[in-house]
Amino acid sequence: MLDIARLLELGSEPAEHALAPDQEAEARAAAARAEAAFAQLSDAHREVLLLVVGEGLDATQAGAVLGLSPEAVRQRLRRARMELAEAAAQGEANSAGCRGRSAS
């Protein structure tokens, strides 16, 4: 099954340099948007992203885990990245809309 905890663990490595408070707040907001976009993906797309991006498997290795050919993994990964980009863009647009409304 999907290991969300492992993905979040990969993203929580300690930084070498501390961020300024405003940068840290923006980084937290960006991480929340990324997590929300990731949560919108289908299970198949989350799974392939976790294996290839999170765990560092190549298409052949991920295919062995998923029972797919390497070409099918590459296609699924491309679609997953597109879906993630669309979800992130939608989240960013929603976030900008909320900021715009709260500023007026």
PDB file of N, CA and C in Angstrom:
ATOM      1  N   MET A   1       0.842  -1.189   0.000  1.00  0.00           N
ATOM      2  CA  MET A   1       0.000   0.000   0.000  1.00  0.00           C
ATOM      3  C   MET A   1       0.879   1.242   0.000  1.00  0.00           C
ATOM      4  N   LEU A   2       0.287   2.397  -0.093  1.00  0.00           N
ATOM      5  CA  LEU A   2       1.006   3.651  -0.148  1.00  0.00           C
ATOM      6  C   LEU A   2       1.590   3.998   1.214  1.00  0.00           C
ATOM      7  N   ASP A   3       2.816   4.494   1.221  1.00  0.00           N
ATOM      8  CA  ASP A   3       3.481   4.851   2.458  1.00  0.00           C
ATOM      9  C   ASP A   3       3.637   6.365   2.533  1.00  0.00           C
ATOM     10  N   ILE A   4       2.569   7.034   2.893  1.00  0.00           N
ATOM     11  CA  ILE A   4       2.560   8.488   2.976  1.00  0.00           C
ATOM     12  C   ILE A   4       3.571   8.956   4.033  1.00  0.00           C
ATOM     13  N   ALA A   5       3.659   8.212   5.128  1.00  0.00           N
ATOM     14  CA  ALA A   5       4.600   8.591   6.182  1.00  0.00           C
ATOM     15  C   ALA A   5       6.022   8.636   5.645  1.00  0.00           C
ATOM     16  N   ARG A   6       6.396   7.673   4.786  1.00  0.00           N
ATOM     17  CA  ARG A   6       7.740   7.653   4.211  1.00  0.00           C
ATOM     18  C   ARG A   6       7.957   8.860   3.303  1.00  0.00           C
ATOM     19  N   LEU A   7       6.960   9.211   2.505  1.00  0.00           N
ATOM     20  CA  LEU A   7       7.082  10.372   1.626  1.00  0.00           C
ATOM     21  C   LEU A   7       7.266  11.638   2.455  1.00  0.00           C
ATOM     22  N   LEU A   8       6.487  11.788   3.512  1.00  0.00           N
ATOM     23  CA  LEU A   8       6.614  12.969   4.364  1.00  0.00           C
ATOM     24  C   LEU A   8       7.952  12.974   5.086  1.00  0.00           C
ATOM     25  N   GLU A   9       8.433  11.785   5.468  1.00  0.00           N
ATOM     26  CA  GLU A   9       9.738  11.673   6.114  1.00  0.00           C
ATOM     27  C   GLU A   9      10.844  12.149   5.175  1.00  0.00           C
ATOM     28  N   LEU A  10      10.738  11.801   3.902  1.00  0.00           N
ATOM     29  CA  LEU A  10      11.742  12.227   2.927  1.00  0.00           C
ATOM     30  C   LEU A  10      11.768  13.747   2.809  1.00  0.00           C
ATOM     31  N   GLY A  11      10.626  14.368   2.959  1.00  0.00           N
ATOM     32  CA  GLY A  11      10.551  15.812   2.845  1.00  0.00           C
ATOM     33  C   GLY A  11      10.846  16.546   4.139  1.00  0.00           C
ATOM     34  N   SER A  12      11.104  15.821   5.221  1.00  0.00           N
ATOM     35  CA  SER A  12      11.330  16.488   6.504  1.00  0.00           C
ATOM     36  C   SER A  12      12.773  16.392   6.969  1.00  0.00           C
ATOM     37  N   GLU A  13      13.694  16.166   6.032  1.00  0.00           N
ATOM     38  CA  GLU A  13      15.110  16.153   6.386  1.00  0.00           C
ATOM     39  C   GLU A  13      15.481  17.523   6.945  1.00  0.00           C
ATOM     40  N   PRO A  14      16.300  17.582   8.000  1.00  0.00           N
ATOM     41  CA  PRO A  14      16.648  18.884   8.573  1.00  0.00           C
ATOM     42  C   PRO A  14      17.435  19.736   7.577  1.00  0.00           C
ATOM     43  N   ALA A  15      17.095  21.003   7.524  1.00  0.00           N
ATOM     44  CA  ALA A  15      17.782  21.930   6.623  1.00  0.00           C
ATOM     45  C   ALA A  15      19.094  22.369   7.257  1.00  0.00           C
ATOM     46  N   GLU A  16      20.074  22.641   6.421  1.00  0.00           N
ATOM     47  CA  GLU A  16      21.370  23.094   6.915  1.00  0.00           C
ATOM     48  C   GLU A  16      21.286  24.518   7.447  1.00  0.00           C
ATOM     49  N   HIS A  17      20.423  25.342   6.855  1.00  0.00           N
ATOM     50  CA  HIS A  17      20.301  26.737   7.251  1.00  0.00           C
ATOM     51  C   HIS A  17      18.858  27.021   7.620  1.00  0.00           C
ATOM     52  N   ALA A  18      18.703  27.708   8.722  1.00  0.00           N
ATOM     53  CA  ALA A  18      17.352  28.057   9.154  1.00  0.00           C
ATOM     54  C   ALA A  18      16.781  29.127   8.233  1.00  0.00           C
ATOM     55  N   LEU A  19      15.484  29.052   8.008  1.00  0.00           N
ATOM     56  CA  LEU A  19      14.800  30.040   7.182  1.00  0.00           C
ATOM     57  C   LEU A  19      14.310  31.185   8.050  1.00  0.00           C
ATOM     58  N   ALA A  20      14.151  32.328   7.417  1.00  0.00           N
ATOM     59  CA  ALA A  20      13.530  33.453   8.091  1.00  0.00           C
ATOM     60  C   ALA A  20      12.071  33.083   8.362  1.00  0.00           C
ATOM     61  N   PRO A  21      11.452  33.666   9.375  1.00  0.00           N
ATOM     62  CA  PRO A  21      10.070  33.294   9.710  1.00  0.00           C
ATOM     63  C   PRO A  21       9.102  33.387   8.540  1.00  0.00           C
ATOM     64  N   ASP A  22       9.204  34.446   7.711  1.00  0.00           N
ATOM     65  CA  ASP A  22       8.286  34.559   6.582  1.00  0.00           C
ATOM     66  C   ASP A  22       8.567  33.484   5.537  1.00  0.00           C
ATOM     67  N   GLN A  23       9.847  33.138   5.357  1.00  0.00           N
ATOM     68  CA  GLN A  23      10.192  32.066   4.422  1.00  0.00           C
ATOM     69  C   GLN A  23       9.714  30.718   4.947  1.00  0.00           C
ATOM     70  N   GLU A  24       9.829  30.530   6.240  1.00  0.00           N
ATOM     71  CA  GLU A  24       9.370  29.273   6.847  1.00  0.00           C
ATOM     72  C   GLU A  24       7.856  29.136   6.717  1.00  0.00           C
ATOM     73  N   ALA A  25       7.138  30.217   6.911  1.00  0.00           N
ATOM     74  CA  ALA A  25       5.680  30.186   6.774  1.00  0.00           C
ATOM     75  C   ALA A  25       5.293  29.868   5.337  1.00  0.00           C
ATOM     76  N   GLU A  26       5.980  30.477   4.370  1.00  0.00           N
ATOM     77  CA  GLU A  26       5.700  30.204   2.962  1.00  0.00           C
ATOM     78  C   GLU A  26       6.046  28.763   2.614  1.00  0.00           C
ATOM     79  N   ALA A  27       7.139  28.255   3.159  1.00  0.00           N
ATOM     80  CA  ALA A  27       7.529  26.866   2.908  1.00  0.00           C
ATOM     81  C   ALA A  27       6.485  25.903   3.471  1.00  0.00           C
ATOM     82  N   ARG A  28       5.967  26.217   4.659  1.00  0.00           N
ATOM     83  CA  ARG A  28       4.916  25.375   5.245  1.00  0.00           C
ATOM     84  C   ARG A  28       3.655  25.408   4.396  1.00  0.00           C
ATOM     85  N   ALA A  29       3.306  26.590   3.903  1.00  0.00           N
ATOM     86  CA  ALA A  29       2.113  26.718   3.059  1.00  0.00           C
ATOM     87  C   ALA A  29       2.298  25.951   1.754  1.00  0.00           C
ATOM     88  N   ALA A  30       3.492  26.044   1.160  1.00  0.00           N
ATOM     89  CA  ALA A  30       3.766  25.317  -0.076  1.00  0.00           C
ATOM     90  C   ALA A  30       3.719  23.809   0.169  1.00  0.00           C
ATOM     91  N   ALA A  31       4.245  23.363   1.300  1.00  0.00           N
ATOM     92  CA  ALA A  31       4.204  21.934   1.626  1.00  0.00           C
ATOM     93  C   ALA A  31       2.765  21.462   1.813  1.00  0.00           C
ATOM     94  N   ALA A  32       1.948  22.289   2.439  1.00  0.00           N
ATOM     95  CA  ALA A  32       0.537  21.931   2.626  1.00  0.00           C
ATOM     96  C   ALA A  32      -0.174  21.840   1.282  1.00  0.00           C
ATOM     97  N   ARG A  33       0.137  22.778   0.358  1.00  0.00           N
ATOM     98  CA  ARG A  33      -0.477  22.726  -0.976  1.00  0.00           C
ATOM     99  C   ARG A  33      -0.021  21.479  -1.728  1.00  0.00           C
ATOM    100  N   ALA A  34       1.268  21.132  -1.603  1.00  0.00           N
ATOM    101  CA  ALA A  34       1.785  19.946  -2.276  1.00  0.00           C
ATOM    102  C   ALA A  34       1.136  18.680  -1.717  1.00  0.00           C
ATOM    103  N   GLU A  35       0.989  18.634  -0.402  1.00  0.00           N
ATOM    104  CA  GLU A  35       0.346  17.476   0.224  1.00  0.00           C
ATOM    105  C   GLU A  35      -1.110  17.354  -0.219  1.00  0.00           C
ATOM    106  N   ALA A  36      -1.799  18.476  -0.313  1.00  0.00           N
ATOM    107  CA  ALA A  36      -3.196  18.461  -0.758  1.00  0.00           C
ATOM    108  C   ALA A  36      -3.289  18.007  -2.210  1.00  0.00           C
ATOM    109  N   ALA A  37      -2.372  18.487  -3.054  1.00  0.00           N
ATOM    110  CA  ALA A  37      -2.368  18.071  -4.465  1.00  0.00           C
ATOM    111  C   ALA A  37      -2.077  16.583  -4.568  1.00  0.00           C
ATOM    112  N   PHE A  38      -1.118  16.093  -3.787  1.00  0.00           N
ATOM    113  CA  PHE A  38      -0.765  14.679  -3.799  1.00  0.00           C
ATOM    114  C   PHE A  38      -1.955  13.830  -3.360  1.00  0.00           C
ATOM    115  N   ALA A  39      -2.700  14.308  -2.384  1.00  0.00           N
ATOM    116  CA  ALA A  39      -3.856  13.568  -1.872  1.00  0.00           C
ATOM    117  C   ALA A  39      -4.962  13.449  -2.916  1.00  0.00           C
ATOM    118  N   GLN A  40      -4.996  14.361  -3.889  1.00  0.00           N
ATOM    119  CA  GLN A  40      -6.024  14.320  -4.928  1.00  0.00           C
ATOM    120  C   GLN A  40      -5.731  13.298  -6.017  1.00  0.00           C
ATOM    121  N   LEU A  41      -4.504  12.788  -6.063  1.00  0.00           N
ATOM    122  CA  LEU A  41      -4.143  11.825  -7.103  1.00  0.00           C
ATOM    123  C   LEU A  41      -4.856  10.500  -6.898  1.00  0.00           C
ATOM    124  N   SER A  42      -5.022   9.782  -7.989  1.00  0.00           N
ATOM    125  CA  SER A  42      -5.560   8.425  -7.892  1.00  0.00           C
ATOM    126  C   SER A  42      -4.535   7.547  -7.173  1.00  0.00           C
ATOM    127  N   ASP A  43      -4.990   6.427  -6.622  1.00  0.00           N
ATOM    128  CA  ASP A  43      -4.071   5.512  -5.940  1.00  0.00           C
ATOM    129  C   ASP A  43      -2.946   5.063  -6.867  1.00  0.00           C
ATOM    130  N   ALA A  44      -3.275   4.757  -8.116  1.00  0.00           N
ATOM    131  CA  ALA A  44      -2.266   4.281  -9.067  1.00  0.00           C
ATOM    132  C   ALA A  44      -1.201   5.345  -9.309  1.00  0.00           C
ATOM    133  N   HIS A  45      -1.609   6.601  -9.387  1.00  0.00           N
ATOM    134  CA  HIS A  45      -0.648   7.679  -9.627  1.00  0.00           C
ATOM    135  C   HIS A  45       0.180   7.970  -8.381  1.00  0.00           C
ATOM    136  N   ARG A  46      -0.440   7.943  -7.211  1.00  0.00           N
ATOM    137  CA  ARG A  46       0.331   8.124  -5.968  1.00  0.00           C
ATOM    138  C   ARG A  46       1.361   7.015  -5.828  1.00  0.00           C
ATOM    139  N   GLU A  47       0.938   5.811  -6.120  1.00  0.00           N
ATOM    140  CA  GLU A  47       1.808   4.650  -5.971  1.00  0.00           C
ATOM    141  C   GLU A  47       3.046   4.749  -6.856  1.00  0.00           C
ATOM    142  N   VAL A  48       2.863   5.094  -8.131  1.00  0.00           N
ATOM    143  CA  VAL A  48       4.007   5.160  -9.043  1.00  0.00           C
ATOM    144  C   VAL A  48       4.931   6.312  -8.652  1.00  0.00           C
ATOM    145  N   LEU A  49       4.380   7.433  -8.212  1.00  0.00           N
ATOM    146  CA  LEU A  49       5.222   8.545  -7.769  1.00  0.00           C
ATOM    147  C   LEU A  49       6.023   8.171  -6.527  1.00  0.00           C
ATOM    148  N   LEU A  50       5.393   7.492  -5.591  1.00  0.00           N
ATOM    149  CA  LEU A  50       6.111   7.073  -4.387  1.00  0.00           C
ATOM    150  C   LEU A  50       7.263   6.136  -4.722  1.00  0.00           C
ATOM    151  N   LEU A  51       7.016   5.202  -5.618  1.00  0.00           N
ATOM    152  CA  LEU A  51       8.060   4.243  -5.962  1.00  0.00           C
ATOM    153  C   LEU A  51       9.217   4.882  -6.726  1.00  0.00           C
ATOM    154  N   VAL A  52       8.893   5.707  -7.705  1.00  0.00           N
ATOM    155  CA  VAL A  52       9.939   6.260  -8.574  1.00  0.00           C
ATOM    156  C   VAL A  52      10.594   7.490  -7.939  1.00  0.00           C
ATOM    157  N   VAL A  53       9.794   8.424  -7.479  1.00  0.00           N
ATOM    158  CA  VAL A  53      10.346   9.659  -6.930  1.00  0.00           C
ATOM    159  C   VAL A  53      10.746   9.470  -5.469  1.00  0.00           C
ATOM    160  N   GLY A  54       9.856   8.895  -4.682  1.00  0.00           N
ATOM    161  CA  GLY A  54      10.118   8.740  -3.255  1.00  0.00           C
ATOM    162  C   GLY A  54      11.157   7.692  -2.918  1.00  0.00           C
ATOM    163  N   GLU A  55      11.062   6.552  -3.555  1.00  0.00           N
ATOM    164  CA  GLU A  55      11.959   5.437  -3.233  1.00  0.00           C
ATOM    165  C   GLU A  55      13.125   5.315  -4.209  1.00  0.00           C
ATOM    166  N   GLY A  56      13.076   6.049  -5.316  1.00  0.00           N
ATOM    167  CA  GLY A  56      14.197   6.039  -6.249  1.00  0.00           C
ATOM    168  C   GLY A  56      14.292   4.827  -7.155  1.00  0.00           C
ATOM    169  N   LEU A  57      13.181   4.106  -7.336  1.00  0.00           N
ATOM    170  CA  LEU A  57      13.210   2.954  -8.223  1.00  0.00           C
ATOM    171  C   LEU A  57      13.185   3.414  -9.674  1.00  0.00           C
ATOM    172  N   ASP A  58      13.792   2.629 -10.559  1.00  0.00           N
ATOM    173  CA  ASP A  58      13.672   2.946 -11.986  1.00  0.00           C
ATOM    174  C   ASP A  58      12.409   2.270 -12.521  1.00  0.00           C
ATOM    175  N   ALA A  59      12.116   2.501 -13.806  1.00  0.00           N
ATOM    176  CA  ALA A  59      10.869   1.996 -14.387  1.00  0.00           C
ATOM    177  C   ALA A  59      10.794   0.471 -14.340  1.00  0.00           C
ATOM    178  N   THR A  60      11.911  -0.188 -14.531  1.00  0.00           N
ATOM    179  CA  THR A  60      11.924  -1.654 -14.498  1.00  0.00           C
ATOM    180  C   THR A  60      11.618  -2.164 -13.092  1.00  0.00           C
ATOM    181  N   GLN A  61      12.268  -1.555 -12.087  1.00  0.00           N
ATOM    182  CA  GLN A  61      12.051  -1.978 -10.700  1.00  0.00           C
ATOM    183  C   GLN A  61      10.620  -1.674 -10.249  1.00  0.00           C
ATOM    184  N   ALA A  62      10.144  -0.488 -10.568  1.00  0.00           N
ATOM    185  CA  ALA A  62       8.771  -0.128 -10.194  1.00  0.00           C
ATOM    186  C   ALA A  62       7.778  -1.037 -10.903  1.00  0.00           C
ATOM    187  N   GLY A  63       8.070  -1.363 -12.157  1.00  0.00           N
ATOM    188  CA  GLY A  63       7.201  -2.270 -12.903  1.00  0.00           C
ATOM    189  C   GLY A  63       7.112  -3.641 -12.252  1.00  0.00           C
ATOM    190  N   ALA A  64       8.242  -4.114 -11.724  1.00  0.00           N
ATOM    191  CA  ALA A  64       8.236  -5.414 -11.040  1.00  0.00           C
ATOM    192  C   ALA A  64       7.346  -5.367  -9.802  1.00  0.00           C
ATOM    193  N   VAL A  65       7.382  -4.261  -9.092  1.00  0.00           N
ATOM    194  CA  VAL A  65       6.549  -4.109  -7.886  1.00  0.00           C
ATOM    195  C   VAL A  65       5.076  -4.012  -8.264  1.00  0.00           C
ATOM    196  N   LEU A  66       4.793  -3.265  -9.322  1.00  0.00           N
ATOM    197  CA  LEU A  66       3.410  -2.987  -9.706  1.00  0.00           C
ATOM    198  C   LEU A  66       2.813  -4.011 -10.661  1.00  0.00           C
ATOM    199  N   GLY A  67       3.650  -4.896 -11.206  1.00  0.00           N
ATOM    200  CA  GLY A  67       3.170  -5.861 -12.183  1.00  0.00           C
ATOM    201  C   GLY A  67       2.913  -5.221 -13.535  1.00  0.00           C
ATOM    202  N   LEU A  68       3.729  -4.220 -13.880  1.00  0.00           N
ATOM    203  CA  LEU A  68       3.584  -3.492 -15.138  1.00  0.00           C
ATOM    204  C   LEU A  68       4.886  -3.554 -15.927  1.00  0.00           C
ATOM    205  N   SER A  69       4.781  -3.316 -17.224  1.00  0.00           N
ATOM    206  CA  SER A  69       5.988  -3.202 -18.037  1.00  0.00           C
ATOM    207  C   SER A  69       6.658  -1.867 -17.726  1.00  0.00           C
ATOM    208  N   PRO A  70       7.962  -1.762 -17.989  1.00  0.00           N
ATOM    209  CA  PRO A  70       8.627  -0.468 -17.775  1.00  0.00           C
ATOM    210  C   PRO A  70       7.973   0.663 -18.578  1.00  0.00           C
ATOM    211  N   GLU A  71       7.535   0.385 -19.789  1.00  0.00           N
ATOM    212  CA  GLU A  71       6.879   1.417 -20.595  1.00  0.00           C
ATOM    213  C   GLU A  71       5.564   1.853 -19.949  1.00  0.00           C
ATOM    214  N   ALA A  72       4.809   0.921 -19.399  1.00  0.00           N
ATOM    215  CA  ALA A  72       3.557   1.267 -18.711  1.00  0.00           C
ATOM    216  C   ALA A  72       3.854   2.129 -17.483  1.00  0.00           C
ATOM    217  N   VAL A  73       4.937   1.827 -16.780  1.00  0.00           N
ATOM    218  CA  VAL A  73       5.326   2.634 -15.619  1.00  0.00           C
ATOM    219  C   VAL A  73       5.665   4.052 -16.076  1.00  0.00           C
ATOM    220  N   ARG A  74       6.434   4.191 -17.152  1.00  0.00           N
ATOM    221  CA  ARG A  74       6.803   5.516 -17.654  1.00  0.00           C
ATOM    222  C   ARG A  74       5.554   6.312 -18.057  1.00  0.00           C
ATOM    223  N   GLN A  75       4.602   5.654 -18.713  1.00  0.00           N
ATOM    224  CA  GLN A  75       3.360   6.333 -19.101  1.00  0.00           C
ATOM    225  C   GLN A  75       2.560   6.757 -17.872  1.00  0.00           C
ATOM    226  N   ARG A  76       2.459   5.856 -16.900  1.00  0.00           N
ATOM    227  CA  ARG A  76       1.712   6.177 -15.680  1.00  0.00           C
ATOM    228  C   ARG A  76       2.399   7.310 -14.923  1.00  0.00           C
ATOM    229  N   LEU A  77       3.721   7.299 -14.902  1.00  0.00           N
ATOM    230  CA  LEU A  77       4.469   8.349 -14.218  1.00  0.00           C
ATOM    231  C   LEU A  77       4.250   9.703 -14.901  1.00  0.00           C
ATOM    232  N   ARG A  78       4.264   9.708 -16.223  1.00  0.00           N
ATOM    233  CA  ARG A  78       4.013  10.948 -16.963  1.00  0.00           C
ATOM    234  C   ARG A  78       2.615  11.475 -16.643  1.00  0.00           C
ATOM    235  N   ARG A  79       1.633  10.597 -16.655  1.00  0.00           N
ATOM    236  CA  ARG A  79       0.260  11.013 -16.345  1.00  0.00           C
ATOM    237  C   ARG A  79       0.132  11.485 -14.893  1.00  0.00           C
ATOM    238  N   ALA A  80       0.827  10.795 -13.991  1.00  0.00           N
ATOM    239  CA  ALA A  80       0.795  11.180 -12.580  1.00  0.00           C
ATOM    240  C   ALA A  80       1.386  12.571 -12.389  1.00  0.00           C
ATOM    241  N   ARG A  81       2.495  12.847 -13.059  1.00  0.00           N
ATOM    242  CA  ARG A  81       3.113  14.171 -12.950  1.00  0.00           C
ATOM    243  C   ARG A  81       2.204  15.247 -13.515  1.00  0.00           C
ATOM    244  N   MET A  82       1.537  14.951 -14.617  1.00  0.00           N
ATOM    245  CA  MET A  82       0.601  15.920 -15.201  1.00  0.00           C
ATOM    246  C   MET A  82      -0.563  16.172 -14.247  1.00  0.00           C
ATOM    247  N   GLU A  83      -1.107  15.098 -13.682  1.00  0.00           N
ATOM    248  CA  GLU A  83      -2.232  15.232 -12.750  1.00  0.00           C
ATOM    249  C   GLU A  83      -1.806  16.013 -11.508  1.00  0.00           C
ATOM    250  N   LEU A  84      -0.601  15.751 -11.021  1.00  0.00           N
ATOM    251  CA  LEU A  84      -0.088  16.459  -9.852  1.00  0.00           C
ATOM    252  C   LEU A  84       0.095  17.942 -10.166  1.00  0.00           C
ATOM    253  N   ALA A  85       0.642  18.258 -11.335  1.00  0.00           N
ATOM    254  CA  ALA A  85       0.831  19.660 -11.726  1.00  0.00           C
ATOM    255  C   ALA A  85      -0.509  20.379 -11.822  1.00  0.00           C
ATOM    256  N   GLU A  86      -1.516  19.717 -12.393  1.00  0.00           N
ATOM    257  CA  GLU A  86      -2.842  20.319 -12.502  1.00  0.00           C
ATOM    258  C   GLU A  86      -3.454  20.553 -11.124  1.00  0.00           C
ATOM    259  N   ALA A  87      -3.328  19.574 -10.240  1.00  0.00           N
ATOM    260  CA  ALA A  87      -3.875  19.713  -8.886  1.00  0.00           C
ATOM    261  C   ALA A  87      -3.148  20.816  -8.123  1.00  0.00           C
ATOM    262  N   ALA A  88      -1.833  20.908  -8.305  1.00  0.00           N
ATOM    263  CA  ALA A  88      -1.058  21.959  -7.637  1.00  0.00           C
ATOM    264  C   ALA A  88      -1.442  23.332  -8.164  1.00  0.00           C
ATOM    265  N   ALA A  89      -1.611  23.447  -9.470  1.00  0.00           N
ATOM    266  CA  ALA A  89      -2.011  24.727 -10.065  1.00  0.00           C
ATOM    267  C   ALA A  89      -3.389  25.133  -9.565  1.00  0.00           C
ATOM    268  N   GLN A  90      -4.301  24.186  -9.467  1.00  0.00           N
ATOM    269  CA  GLN A  90      -5.642  24.483  -8.957  1.00  0.00           C
ATOM    270  C   GLN A  90      -5.563  24.919  -7.500  1.00  0.00           C
ATOM    271  N   GLY A  91      -4.743  24.236  -6.713  1.00  0.00           N
ATOM    272  CA  GLY A  91      -4.567  24.621  -5.313  1.00  0.00           C
ATOM    273  C   GLY A  91      -3.959  25.997  -5.175  1.00  0.00           C
ATOM    274  N   GLU A  92      -2.986  26.314  -6.035  1.00  0.00           N
ATOM    275  CA  GLU A  92      -2.361  27.640  -6.015  1.00  0.00           C
ATOM    276  C   GLU A  92      -3.381  28.710  -6.394  1.00  0.00           C
ATOM    277  N   ALA A  93      -4.199  28.435  -7.398  1.00  0.00           N
ATOM    278  CA  ALA A  93      -5.229  29.392  -7.807  1.00  0.00           C
ATOM    279  C   ALA A  93      -6.230  29.605  -6.678  1.00  0.00           C
ATOM    280  N   ASN A  94      -6.623  28.529  -6.016  1.00  0.00           N
ATOM    281  CA  ASN A  94      -7.554  28.649  -4.893  1.00  0.00           C
ATOM    282  C   ASN A  94      -6.929  29.439  -3.753  1.00  0.00           C
ATOM    283  N   SER A  95      -5.656  29.183  -3.487  1.00  0.00           N
ATOM    284  CA  SER A  95      -4.943  29.876  -2.420  1.00  0.00           C
ATOM    285  C   SER A  95      -4.820  31.364  -2.734  1.00  0.00           C
ATOM    286  N   ALA A  96      -4.500  31.689  -3.982  1.00  0.00           N
ATOM    287  CA  ALA A  96      -4.376  33.090  -4.387  1.00  0.00           C
ATOM    288  C   ALA A  96      -5.732  33.782  -4.290  1.00  0.00           C
ATOM    289  N   GLY A  97      -6.791  33.085  -4.634  1.00  0.00           N
ATOM    290  CA  GLY A  97      -8.132  33.654  -4.529  1.00  0.00           C
ATOM    291  C   GLY A  97      -8.502  33.963  -3.094  1.00  0.00           C
ATOM    292  N   CYS A  98      -8.120  33.084  -2.194  1.00  0.00           N
ATOM    293  CA  CYS A  98      -8.404  33.302  -0.776  1.00  0.00           C
ATOM    294  C   CYS A  98      -7.607  34.477  -0.248  1.00  0.00           C
ATOM    295  N   ARG A  99      -6.324  34.592  -0.649  1.00  0.00           N
ATOM    296  CA  ARG A  99      -5.495  35.715  -0.204  1.00  0.00           C
ATOM    297  C   ARG A  99      -6.059  37.025  -0.743  1.00  0.00           C
ATOM    298  N   GLY A 100      -6.509  37.008  -1.992  1.00  0.00           N
ATOM    299  CA  GLY A 100      -7.066  38.214  -2.592  1.00  0.00           C
ATOM    300  C   GLY A 100      -8.313  38.682  -1.888  1.00  0.00           C
ATOM    301  N   ARG A 101      -9.154  37.732  -1.509  1.00  0.00           N
ATOM    302  CA  ARG A 101     -10.399  38.077  -0.821  1.00  0.00           C
ATOM    303  C   ARG A 101     -10.117  38.594   0.583  1.00  0.00           C
ATOM    304  N   SER A 102      -9.121  38.002   1.271  1.00  0.00           N
ATOM    305  CA  SER A 102      -8.848  38.421   2.647  1.00  0.00           C
ATOM    306  C   SER A 102      -8.146  39.786   2.684  1.00  0.00           C
ATOM    307  N   ALA A 103      -7.492  40.168   1.565  1.00  0.00           N
ATOM    308  CA  ALA A 103      -6.804  41.457   1.525  1.00  0.00           C
ATOM    309  C   ALA A 103      -7.757  42.602   1.254  1.00  0.00           C
ATOM    310  N   SER A 104      -8.983  42.308   0.776  1.00  0.00           N
ATOM    311  CA  SER A 104      -9.896  43.409   0.447  1.00  0.00           C
ATOM    312  C   SER A 104     -10.754  43.819   1.601  1.00  0.00           C
TER     313      SER A 104
END
